[in-house]
Amino acid sequence: MWRQTVKLKLYDMLGRVVWTFGGGRVKGRHEVQADLSGLASGAYFLRLRSEGDTRTRRITVVR
């Protein structure tokens, strides 16, 4: 397996970036913990970008 540049960004419903993780060049599986305690309840979109691939998932924060 080769190293890839990976970036995670969390967007609110207006498309504003509310959290970012620039993991740099990584190899293999990794786990990231994000402190989202400052976010209001609602829907957000988590986007993972790596070389040649982009994935987006909807995240719901409930307080």
Protein backbone atom coordinates (compact mmCIF):
# COMPACT_ATOMS: atom_id res chain seq x y z
CA MET A 1 0.00 0.00 0.00
CA TRP A 2 1.31 3.45 -0.85
CA ARG A 3 1.02 6.76 0.99
CA GLN A 4 -1.76 9.15 0.01
CA THR A 5 -2.55 12.73 0.90
CA VAL A 6 -5.77 12.75 2.96
CA LYS A 7 -7.92 15.69 4.07
CA LEU A 8 -11.15 15.74 6.09
CA LYS A 9 -13.49 18.73 6.22
CA LEU A 10 -16.82 19.17 7.98
CA TYR A 11 -19.29 21.60 6.38
CA ASP A 12 -22.47 23.13 7.75
CA MET A 13 -25.67 23.32 5.67
CA LEU A 14 -24.56 26.67 4.22
CA GLY A 15 -21.33 25.17 2.89
CA ARG A 16 -19.06 26.79 5.46
CA VAL A 17 -16.13 24.75 6.76
CA VAL A 18 -16.57 24.24 10.52
CA TRP A 19 -13.79 21.69 11.15
CA THR A 20 -10.71 20.60 9.20
CA PHE A 21 -8.18 17.81 9.53
CA GLY A 22 -5.27 17.79 7.10
CA GLY A 23 -3.72 14.43 7.80
CA GLY A 24 -0.93 14.83 5.30
CA ARG A 25 0.46 11.74 3.63
CA VAL A 26 -0.76 8.59 5.38
CA LYS A 27 -0.56 4.87 4.79
CA GLY A 28 -3.10 2.27 5.92
CA ARG A 29 -6.13 2.79 8.15
CA HIS A 30 -6.37 5.67 10.61
CA GLU A 31 -8.85 6.92 13.17
CA VAL A 32 -9.46 10.61 13.87
CA GLN A 33 -11.34 12.02 16.84
CA ALA A 34 -12.91 15.44 16.42
CA ASP A 35 -14.12 17.71 19.22
CA LEU A 36 -17.49 18.84 17.87
CA SER A 37 -18.79 20.11 21.22
CA GLY A 38 -18.95 23.68 19.89
CA LEU A 39 -21.34 22.80 17.07
CA ALA A 40 -25.07 23.41 17.20
CA SER A 41 -27.53 20.57 16.68
CA GLY A 42 -28.23 19.91 13.03
CA ALA A 43 -26.99 18.27 9.86
CA TYR A 44 -23.42 18.55 8.59
CA PHE A 45 -21.46 17.01 5.74
CA LEU A 46 -18.12 15.27 6.25
CA ARG A 47 -15.93 15.17 3.14
CA LEU A 48 -12.87 12.93 2.86
CA ARG A 49 -10.52 13.65 -0.01
CA SER A 50 -7.59 11.48 -0.97
CA GLU A 51 -5.68 11.20 -4.20
CA GLY A 52 -8.24 10.29 -6.86
CA ASP A 53 -11.19 9.81 -4.49
CA THR A 54 -13.73 12.00 -2.70
CA ARG A 55 -16.39 10.70 -0.31
CA THR A 56 -19.08 12.69 1.45
CA ARG A 57 -21.25 11.54 4.37
CA ARG A 58 -24.03 13.31 6.22
CA ILE A 59 -23.47 13.71 9.97
CA THR A 60 -26.23 14.64 12.42
CA VAL A 61 -25.30 16.36 15.70
CA VAL A 62 -27.90 16.04 18.46
CA ARG A 63 -27.61 17.95 21.73
